[in-house]
Amino acid sequence: MALSKKPTTGMKDILPEEMQIRDYVMGVIKETYGKFGFTSIETPCVENIANLSSKQGGDNEKLIFKILKRGEKLNVEAATTEDEVVDSGLRYDLTVPLVRFYSNNAAQLPSPFKSLQMGNVWRADRPQRGRYRQFMQCDIDILGEPSNLAEIELILATTTTLGKLGFKGFQIRINERRILKAMAAYSGFPEESYDSVFITLDKMDKIGLEGVEEELLSNGFAKESVDKYLELFKGLEEAEDGVAYLANVLEGFLKPDVEQSLQEIIASVKATKSSDFEIVFDATLVRGMSYYTGTIFEIAMPEFGGSCGGGGRYDKMVGKFTGKDVPACGFSIGFERIILLLMESGFKVPSQPEKVAYLIEKGVNGEALCQVIAEAQDARKDGTQVLVARMNKNKKFQKEQLEKEGYTQFKEFYKDPLKQ
């Protein structure tokens, strides 16, 4: 039986040129986030299926790669439901594993705890540009900080990192789940239907105001409620300060501290940012995860045409594990999409060590080979990156391939010293 040359459907191999960029970006991320006080942790790629299916992950819970029970625990013949044969799955994001990690280790961690997590996640989704079924996520989270200092720090750390990677002119779109709920309540939608309303609202940038109206009406919502809801968005188009406008209109439905907190986040980020970006209030921003309880935000990059990361506050999630709520807020960079944009722009990794290839003719052995390797070792001590390899018959093609990997100098060693 011949082995398949193709990777698992929807996943990909990573070639050296891309891996060099990925390593560089990961280095910038760790260094920059480290300066903001975030510390690295690691969690397993496999989680208990009950944790992954806790109704906290929204539509992602439909995309879990599930793992069968092992050994005597697996009895397919006697099983009548999937639960009887499945006990774990591959993580679909890093937030659920983080919360489980924190619940187990909180006594050994500082408070507030500022976490940095980078790792692969898996979703049985339809592959698309910049997204595969296996992809890297990069999350920073602050647990134990109830004030909006958490949001301010997360936004500044993330935007500083993007700035160091050369991104400019992007947007941080920001909203508040409590504003979303207040708008729905003010309009007269039943509370149990809020999620359905938000799913439609989330399509605003694709189907427009008229499309949202048509879909809400087709879903059976009262025309009076739909009209009142859409009037809020029409008013926002004319408002100079969208947050203040909604706080005024939604008086009695929205607590005053929501406006104050959101305005403070926006003002603080604008006053202290170190990168070229704009932070804007967007009342149509929803974020799909049901675990968000307060502030939500996304990164919008014009050159990508969509979101390149996002996050928000999820103050109730830890309590699902421990029975005691802990304030929590996180921000995730769309790592794969960032890599895609850098590669498409022709990005070259800066300030790398000089790369030299030592190509050794077949027949150079024994003491002569030791001398070449010793020379390479001395060059490495001085900071040079040295590849030692046998010379191919097609030396020209071999050099061309190495040049693509960043090698700029070549030293050739022959059995006959006169060829040197």
Foldseek 3Di string as FASTA:
>chain_A
DDDDPDDDPQDDDDDLLLVVVLVLLVVLLCVLVVVLVADEDEFDQKDWLCLLCVQQFFPQSVFWAWDFDDDPQADPPPDDDPVSTTTMTGAQDCPSRVLVVCLVCVVVADPFHKYWYKDWGATNDDHDVLDTRIDIKIKIKTWFDPACVRVLSQVQSVQVSVQVVPDAAKEKEKEWVLLLQLLLVVLPHDSVCSLVLLVLLLCCVPQNLVSSLVVCVVVPDDNSSSVSSSVLVVVCVVDPDNLVVSCVVSVVSHDPVLSVRVVVSQVSCVVDHDGHYHYYYDSSDDDRGPQAHTMKIFMGDPVVHDTQWIWHWRQCVSCVVVVDTITMIMIMGNSSVSSVVCVVVVHDDPDAAAEEEEEEEPPQDDPSVVVVVVVVVVVVVVPHHYHYYYQDPPNVVVVVVVVSSPHDYYHYHYPDVVVD
